[in-house]
Amino acid sequence: MFYEKELQALKRAGRYRTREVIDSSLKDFASNDYLGLSHNKELYKESCRALEQLDIHASKASMLVNGYHQVHKDFEDALCAANGFAAGVVMGSGFNANIALIESLVRKGDMLFMDELYHASGVLASKFHGIDVRFFKHNDMEELESLLQNARAKRKIVAVEGIYSMDGDLCPQEVFTIADAHEALLIVDEAHSSGVVGEQLMGVFDFYGITPKANHIKMGTLGKAYGSFGAFILASEHIVEYLLNRAKPIIYATSLSLYDTLLAHKSLEYILQNATSLKAEIAARQKIVQEELGITVDGLIVPILVGDNKRVIEIKEKLLNLGYAVGGIRQPTVPKAIIRLIARVGESKEDLRRVCHNVKKSIAE
């Protein structure tokens, strides 16, 4: 067996992972379907009807080789209008979007400044040959300022998340000011903030009232709050033009499926039309989390420290037996093991209160 020793070591450390077929009977407090839109049958039916009107049902090719359809362009235009950006491009996943951005933007003589808790896809890209990267302490704007001040680079690129996927906290508004002052490109990964925060639920640009500038880049995913699959990058026309010519995950990958694009477009419209009621539902769940667990959250990610890899799986399994799915996140994904509870709008407030109570009780036992 080629990797038996490595697998055994993972098992001993409590870091062994498996995949399991989803049990639809469980109350879902584990997934990133923040608004419950993956269960919205009307959005599904509308998307299917729109797909039936097309001559084809698959994108067929790379976006640059006969695979760029009006469906893609319409959604990109809608995203730009909703978020205040000049141009955009849709693609296969947030993981690929981060690879595309960092691998193509950071050239020889440039320097990348990345929050130490940035997503694994960005960290992986930062390790590519020739990329000069400096990690700064999580949300530490003083350290970022100092690093930028002392850097001698042709271009400076800063990478942060809107809401961090494990800690669940917002990036500081100050990061925009700092990046602008140093004429640095600013990549904001909005995978977990788009659809969750902001006046129109468009993310941290919307939340902080930031008008996008030429140095601002927003990346978001469609498989979370949008209940579909894929990702998007929004930026200036100049940056998008450059990505189309240099970003390998855009150039060499089949373009995003037409169904997923249509579904995400329908979801975008739904979020904008129902922003007020959705914000009220999000606020109600944040209040329950505060009341039951004493944790204040910026979005819908609730990290509950356990600290032991094996113990966190025991708690996760106990909750499964009670009918609740939660995340049991272990090292090296996080520094210390956590229960990652998602206070989804897709589940009732009453069930959220029950699962919070049971999490607290299980940890105390």
Protein backbone atom coordinates (compact mmCIF):
# COMPACT_ATOMS: atom_id res chain seq x y z
CA MET A 1 0.00 0.00 0.00
CA PHE A 2 1.66 3.18 -1.20
CA TYR A 3 0.41 5.56 1.55
CA GLU A 4 -0.59 3.25 4.39
CA LYS A 5 1.83 4.79 6.90
CA GLU A 6 0.57 8.29 6.15
CA LEU A 7 -3.05 7.22 6.52
CA GLN A 8 -2.35 5.50 9.83
CA ALA A 9 -0.59 8.63 11.12
CA LEU A 10 -3.64 10.72 10.23
CA LYS A 11 -5.88 8.28 12.10
CA ARG A 12 -3.69 8.39 15.20
CA ALA A 13 -3.74 12.19 15.19
CA GLY A 14 -7.53 12.35 14.81
CA ARG A 15 -7.12 14.03 11.42
CA TYR A 16 -8.39 11.23 9.18
CA ARG A 17 -11.22 12.32 6.88
CA THR A 18 -13.94 10.46 5.04
CA ARG A 19 -16.85 11.48 2.85
CA GLU A 20 -20.39 10.44 3.65
CA VAL A 21 -23.53 10.57 1.56
CA ILE A 22 -25.71 13.37 2.88
CA ASP A 23 -28.63 12.39 5.07
CA SER A 24 -31.52 14.67 4.09
CA SER A 25 -33.42 13.81 7.26
CA LEU A 26 -30.89 15.75 9.37
CA LYS A 27 -31.33 19.38 10.30
CA ASP A 28 -28.55 21.06 8.34
CA PHE A 29 -26.38 23.35 10.44
CA ALA A 30 -23.18 22.31 8.66
CA SER A 31 -23.40 23.50 5.06
CA ASN A 32 -22.62 26.95 3.63
CA ASP A 33 -26.10 27.27 2.11
CA TYR A 34 -26.57 30.36 4.25
CA LEU A 35 -29.95 31.51 2.93
CA GLY A 36 -31.45 28.09 2.27
CA LEU A 37 -31.71 28.80 -1.47
CA SER A 38 -30.59 25.29 -2.43
CA HIS A 39 -34.04 24.20 -1.20
CA ASN A 40 -35.95 26.90 -3.13
CA LYS A 41 -37.88 24.92 -5.74
CA GLU A 42 -39.24 28.00 -7.48
CA LEU A 43 -35.72 29.23 -8.30
CA TYR A 44 -34.92 25.74 -9.59
CA LYS A 45 -38.04 25.63 -11.78
CA GLU A 46 -37.43 29.13 -13.17
CA SER A 47 -33.87 28.16 -14.06
CA CYS A 48 -35.00 24.95 -15.76
CA ARG A 49 -37.61 26.85 -17.79
CA ALA A 50 -34.97 29.35 -18.90
CA LEU A 51 -32.58 26.52 -19.82
CA GLU A 52 -35.26 24.81 -21.90
CA GLN A 53 -35.56 27.94 -24.05
CA LEU A 54 -31.91 27.68 -25.10
CA ASP A 55 -30.67 25.76 -28.14
CA ILE A 56 -28.12 23.96 -25.95
CA HIS A 57 -27.97 22.97 -22.29
CA ALA A 58 -24.17 22.80 -21.76
CA SER A 59 -21.47 25.43 -22.14
CA LYS A 60 -19.39 23.09 -24.39
CA ALA A 61 -15.98 24.78 -24.23
CA SER A 62 -13.58 27.22 -22.63
CA MET A 63 -14.89 30.76 -22.26
CA LEU A 64 -12.29 31.86 -24.82
CA VAL A 65 -13.04 29.07 -27.31
CA ASN A 66 -16.75 29.16 -28.18
CA GLY A 67 -17.86 28.69 -24.57
CA TYR A 68 -18.89 32.23 -23.61
CA HIS A 69 -22.67 32.46 -23.80
CA GLN A 70 -25.18 35.26 -23.41
CA VAL A 71 -26.25 33.54 -20.19
CA HIS A 72 -22.76 34.17 -18.77
CA LYS A 73 -22.65 37.76 -19.95
CA ASP A 74 -26.11 38.58 -18.58
CA PHE A 75 -25.15 37.27 -15.15
CA GLU A 76 -21.81 39.09 -15.16
CA ASP A 77 -23.59 42.32 -16.07
CA ALA A 78 -26.12 41.78 -13.26
CA LEU A 79 -23.33 41.14 -10.74
CA CYS A 80 -21.52 44.29 -11.83
CA ALA A 81 -24.68 46.36 -11.50
CA ALA A 82 -25.49 44.95 -8.05
CA ASN A 83 -21.94 45.40 -6.72
CA GLY A 84 -20.81 48.58 -8.46
CA PHE A 85 -17.97 47.06 -10.46
CA ALA A 86 -17.08 47.76 -14.09
CA ALA A 87 -16.42 44.21 -15.27
CA GLY A 88 -16.65 40.60 -14.20
CA VAL A 89 -16.02 37.00 -15.15
CA VAL A 90 -17.71 33.80 -13.94
CA MET A 91 -15.86 30.53 -13.52
CA GLY A 92 -15.94 27.04 -12.08
CA SER A 93 -15.23 27.44 -8.35
CA GLY A 94 -13.96 29.77 -5.65
CA PHE A 95 -10.88 27.56 -5.28
CA ASN A 96 -10.05 28.09 -8.94
CA ALA A 97 -10.85 31.79 -8.70
CA ASN A 98 -8.26 32.25 -5.96
CA ILE A 99 -5.69 30.27 -7.96
CA ALA A 100 -6.49 32.42 -11.01
CA LEU A 101 -6.13 35.70 -9.16
CA ILE A 102 -2.94 35.02 -7.23
CA GLU A 103 -1.10 32.97 -9.84
CA SER A 104 -1.71 35.56 -12.56
CA LEU A 105 -1.57 38.88 -10.68
CA VAL A 106 1.62 38.36 -8.68
CA ARG A 107 4.47 38.65 -11.19
CA LYS A 108 8.24 38.83 -10.84
CA GLY A 109 9.18 41.84 -8.73
CA ASP A 110 5.71 42.00 -7.13
CA MET A 111 4.89 41.22 -3.51
CA LEU A 112 1.79 39.54 -2.06
CA PHE A 113 0.55 40.39 1.45
CA MET A 114 -1.89 37.78 2.71
CA ASP A 115 -3.85 37.43 5.95
CA GLU A 116 -2.57 34.34 7.77
CA LEU A 117 -6.12 32.91 7.86
CA TYR A 118 -6.75 33.32 4.13
CA HIS A 119 -8.40 30.35 2.44
CA ALA A 120 -6.29 27.28 1.61
CA SER A 121 -6.74 27.91 -2.13
CA GLY A 122 -5.01 31.27 -1.82
CA VAL A 123 -2.29 29.87 0.42
CA LEU A 124 -1.66 27.10 -2.12
CA ALA A 125 -1.38 29.65 -4.94
CA SER A 126 1.05 31.73 -2.86
CA LYS A 127 3.44 28.77 -2.85
CA PHE A 128 3.74 28.68 -6.62
CA HIS A 129 7.23 29.24 -7.98
CA GLY A 130 8.30 32.86 -8.05
CA ILE A 131 5.60 34.32 -5.80
CA ASP A 132 7.01 36.58 -3.07
CA VAL A 133 4.50 36.43 -0.19
CA ARG A 134 4.36 37.97 3.29
CA PHE A 135 1.72 36.71 5.72
CA PHE A 136 0.45 39.16 8.34
CA LYS A 137 -1.28 38.32 11.61
CA HIS A 138 -5.01 37.87 11.27
CA ASN A 139 -6.79 41.21 10.81
CA ASP A 140 -3.68 43.04 12.13
CA MET A 141 -3.81 46.28 10.19
CA GLU A 142 -0.78 47.74 11.96
CA GLU A 143 1.39 44.89 10.74
CA LEU A 144 -0.04 45.14 7.23
CA GLU A 145 0.64 48.88 7.19
CA SER A 146 4.23 48.30 8.32
CA LEU A 147 4.84 45.57 5.74
CA LEU A 148 3.50 47.74 2.92
CA GLN A 149 5.44 50.76 4.13
CA ASN A 150 8.73 48.87 4.05
CA ALA A 151 8.15 46.84 0.91
CA ARG A 152 10.13 47.49 -2.23
CA ALA A 153 8.04 45.95 -4.95
CA LYS A 154 6.92 46.75 -8.46
CA ARG A 155 3.34 45.99 -7.49
CA LYS A 156 1.80 45.26 -4.10
CA ILE A 157 -1.17 42.91 -3.78
CA VAL A 158 -3.15 42.46 -0.54
CA ALA A 159 -5.45 39.45 -0.01
CA VAL A 160 -8.11 39.26 2.71
CA GLU A 161 -11.48 37.57 3.20
CA GLY A 162 -14.74 39.44 3.71
CA ILE A 163 -15.84 36.98 6.39
CA TYR A 164 -13.31 34.34 7.37
CA SER A 165 -14.52 30.82 6.74
CA MET A 166 -13.57 29.33 10.12
CA ASP A 167 -13.37 32.25 12.57
CA GLY A 168 -16.45 33.88 11.04
CA ASP A 169 -15.21 37.45 11.63
CA LEU A 170 -15.18 40.40 9.23
CA CYS A 171 -12.10 41.96 7.69
CA PRO A 172 -11.57 45.49 9.11
CA GLN A 173 -12.80 48.43 7.04
CA GLU A 174 -9.34 49.91 7.45
CA VAL A 175 -7.90 47.43 4.94
CA PHE A 176 -9.50 49.40 2.12
CA THR A 177 -7.94 52.67 3.30
CA ILE A 178 -4.51 51.06 3.73
CA ALA A 179 -4.54 49.41 0.31
CA ASP A 180 -5.65 52.64 -1.35
CA ALA A 181 -2.96 54.68 0.43
CA HIS A 182 -0.22 52.32 -0.78
CA GLU A 183 -1.71 51.96 -4.28
CA ALA A 184 -1.94 48.22 -3.67
CA LEU A 185 -4.29 45.86 -5.44
CA LEU A 186 -6.80 44.55 -2.90
CA ILE A 187 -8.32 41.08 -3.35
CA VAL A 188 -11.36 40.49 -1.13
CA ASP A 189 -12.56 36.89 -1.02
CA GLU A 190 -16.29 37.31 -0.36
CA ALA A 191 -17.15 33.60 -0.42
CA HIS A 192 -18.72 33.76 3.06
CA SER A 193 -19.87 37.39 3.12
CA SER A 194 -21.62 37.79 -0.24
CA GLY A 195 -25.32 37.21 0.40
CA VAL A 196 -24.87 37.52 4.17
CA VAL A 197 -23.87 41.10 5.07
CA GLY A 198 -24.50 44.56 3.66
CA GLU A 199 -27.48 46.80 3.04
CA GLN A 200 -28.36 44.75 -0.04
CA LEU A 201 -26.59 41.61 1.23
CA MET A 202 -23.87 41.98 -1.39
CA GLY A 203 -20.98 41.59 1.06
CA VAL A 204 -18.37 43.73 2.82
CA PHE A 205 -18.07 46.36 0.08
CA ASP A 206 -21.79 46.88 0.56
CA PHE A 207 -21.55 46.55 4.36
CA TYR A 208 -18.86 49.23 4.68
CA GLY A 209 -20.28 51.45 1.94
CA ILE A 210 -17.15 51.10 -0.20
CA THR A 211 -17.37 52.36 -3.77
CA PRO A 212 -15.14 50.01 -5.79
CA LYS A 213 -11.96 51.56 -7.18
CA ALA A 214 -9.55 50.51 -9.91
CA ASN A 215 -7.37 48.65 -7.38
CA HIS A 216 -10.26 46.69 -5.83
CA ILE A 217 -11.03 43.07 -6.75
CA LYS A 218 -13.98 41.11 -5.38
CA MET A 219 -14.23 37.34 -5.59
CA GLY A 220 -17.34 35.45 -4.58
CA THR A 221 -18.71 31.94 -4.78
CA LEU A 222 -22.07 30.73 -6.03
CA GLY A 223 -22.20 27.46 -4.07
CA LYS A 224 -22.89 29.10 -0.72
CA ALA A 225 -25.47 31.86 -0.19
CA TYR A 226 -26.46 31.69 -3.88
CA GLY A 227 -27.44 28.02 -3.71
CA SER A 228 -25.80 27.14 -7.01
CA PHE A 229 -22.23 26.31 -8.07
CA GLY A 230 -19.28 28.28 -9.40
CA ALA A 231 -17.65 31.62 -8.68
CA PHE A 232 -17.19 35.14 -9.96
CA ILE A 233 -14.47 37.79 -10.04
CA LEU A 234 -15.42 41.47 -10.22
CA ALA A 235 -12.88 44.20 -10.96
CA SER A 236 -12.01 47.02 -13.33
CA GLU A 237 -12.19 46.39 -17.07
CA HIS A 238 -8.40 46.50 -17.15
CA ILE A 239 -7.97 43.76 -14.52
CA VAL A 240 -10.61 41.50 -16.07
CA GLU A 241 -9.00 41.95 -19.49
CA TYR A 242 -5.67 40.91 -17.97
CA LEU A 243 -7.20 37.85 -16.24
CA LEU A 244 -8.78 36.68 -19.48
CA ASN A 245 -5.32 36.72 -21.04
CA ARG A 246 -3.21 35.31 -18.17
CA ALA A 247 -5.34 33.38 -15.64
CA LYS A 248 -4.98 29.67 -16.45
CA PRO A 249 -8.17 28.50 -14.63
CA ILE A 250 -10.13 30.84 -16.91
CA ILE A 251 -8.26 30.17 -20.14
CA TYR A 252 -7.97 26.38 -19.94
CA ALA A 253 -11.18 25.33 -18.17
CA THR A 254 -14.64 24.71 -19.58
CA SER A 255 -16.84 27.69 -18.81
CA LEU A 256 -19.38 27.59 -15.98
CA SER A 257 -22.41 25.39 -16.70
CA LEU A 258 -25.41 27.21 -18.12
CA TYR A 259 -27.78 25.78 -15.53
CA ASP A 260 -25.62 26.88 -12.60
CA THR A 261 -25.24 30.33 -14.14
CA LEU A 262 -28.98 30.71 -14.64
CA LEU A 263 -29.70 29.48 -11.11
CA ALA A 264 -27.16 31.88 -9.59
CA HIS A 265 -28.67 34.75 -11.60
CA LYS A 266 -32.14 33.90 -10.29
CA SER A 267 -30.72 33.74 -6.76
CA LEU A 268 -29.07 37.14 -7.14
CA GLU A 269 -32.40 38.63 -8.16
CA TYR A 270 -34.13 36.88 -5.24
CA ILE A 271 -31.59 38.19 -2.72
CA LEU A 272 -31.87 41.76 -3.98
CA GLN A 273 -35.68 41.64 -4.02
CA ASN A 274 -35.89 40.12 -0.52
CA ALA A 275 -32.91 41.79 1.17
CA THR A 276 -34.99 43.39 3.94
CA SER A 277 -36.73 40.20 5.05
CA LEU A 278 -33.56 38.12 4.68
CA LYS A 279 -31.60 40.56 6.85
CA ALA A 280 -34.28 40.27 9.52
CA GLU A 281 -33.99 36.46 9.43
CA ILE A 282 -30.18 36.68 9.70
CA ALA A 283 -30.39 39.12 12.62
CA ALA A 284 -32.86 36.86 14.44
CA ARG A 285 -30.45 33.93 14.17
CA GLN A 286 -27.50 35.99 15.33
CA LYS A 287 -29.55 36.94 18.39
CA ILE A 288 -30.33 33.29 19.18
CA VAL A 289 -26.64 32.37 18.95
CA GLN A 290 -25.79 35.19 21.36
CA GLU A 291 -28.52 34.15 23.80
CA GLU A 292 -27.76 30.43 23.75
CA LEU A 293 -23.97 30.32 23.31
CA GLY A 294 -22.83 33.80 24.31
CA ILE A 295 -21.12 34.21 20.92
CA THR A 296 -21.49 37.35 18.81
CA VAL A 297 -21.15 36.62 15.10
CA ASP A 298 -20.74 39.00 12.16
CA GLY A 299 -22.35 36.63 9.68
CA LEU A 300 -23.80 33.14 10.09
CA ILE A 301 -20.63 31.16 10.91
CA VAL A 302 -20.46 30.16 14.59
CA PRO A 303 -17.05 28.76 15.65
CA ILE A 304 -17.21 26.90 18.99
CA LEU A 305 -13.81 25.99 20.41
CA VAL A 306 -13.30 22.37 21.51
CA GLY A 307 -9.54 22.10 21.15
CA ASP A 308 -9.25 18.33 20.70
CA ASN A 309 -9.46 16.59 17.32
CA LYS A 310 -10.95 13.36 18.62
CA ARG A 311 -13.34 15.07 21.00
CA VAL A 312 -14.74 17.32 18.27
CA ILE A 313 -15.65 14.25 16.19
CA GLU A 314 -17.32 12.64 19.21
CA ILE A 315 -19.45 15.75 19.69
CA LYS A 316 -20.27 15.89 15.99
CA GLU A 317 -21.39 12.23 16.05
CA LYS A 318 -23.50 12.76 19.15
CA LEU A 319 -25.32 15.65 17.46
CA LEU A 320 -25.83 13.51 14.35
CA ASN A 321 -27.59 10.95 16.53
CA LEU A 322 -29.84 13.74 17.79
CA GLY A 323 -30.72 14.71 14.22
CA TYR A 324 -28.38 17.68 13.68
CA ALA A 325 -25.54 18.04 11.17
CA VAL A 326 -22.73 20.39 12.27
CA GLY A 327 -19.13 20.74 11.15
CA GLY A 328 -16.32 19.14 13.13
CA ILE A 329 -13.25 21.06 11.95
CA ARG A 330 -9.81 19.80 12.91
CA GLN A 331 -6.19 20.67 12.44
CA PRO A 332 -4.59 21.68 10.14
CA THR A 333 -7.67 23.47 8.79
CA VAL A 334 -7.86 25.37 12.10
CA PRO A 335 -5.21 25.88 14.81
CA LYS A 336 -7.45 24.18 17.39
CA ALA A 337 -10.43 21.92 16.72
CA ILE A 338 -13.87 23.60 16.58
CA ILE A 339 -17.50 22.78 16.11
CA ARG A 340 -18.48 24.94 13.14
CA LEU A 341 -22.19 25.65 13.36
CA ILE A 342 -23.94 27.51 10.53
CA ALA A 343 -26.99 29.46 11.69
CA ARG A 344 -28.68 28.96 8.32
CA VAL A 345 -31.82 30.77 7.30
CA GLY A 346 -32.74 27.42 5.71
CA GLU A 347 -33.51 25.92 9.13
CA SER A 348 -36.06 27.24 11.62
CA LYS A 349 -35.19 29.51 14.52
CA GLU A 350 -36.63 26.91 16.90
CA ASP A 351 -34.28 24.22 15.58
CA LEU A 352 -31.34 26.62 15.77
CA ARG A 353 -32.11 27.23 19.44
CA ARG A 354 -32.31 23.47 20.04
CA VAL A 355 -29.03 22.68 18.30
CA CYS A 356 -27.26 25.49 20.20
CA HIS A 357 -28.54 24.04 23.46
CA ASN A 358 -27.39 20.55 22.50
CA VAL A 359 -23.96 21.76 21.37
CA LYS A 360 -23.45 23.52 24.69
CA LYS A 361 -24.64 20.46 26.62
CA SER A 362 -22.45 18.06 24.61
CA ILE A 363 -19.31 20.14 25.13
CA ALA A 364 -19.97 20.37 28.87
CA GLU A 365 -20.33 16.60 29.28
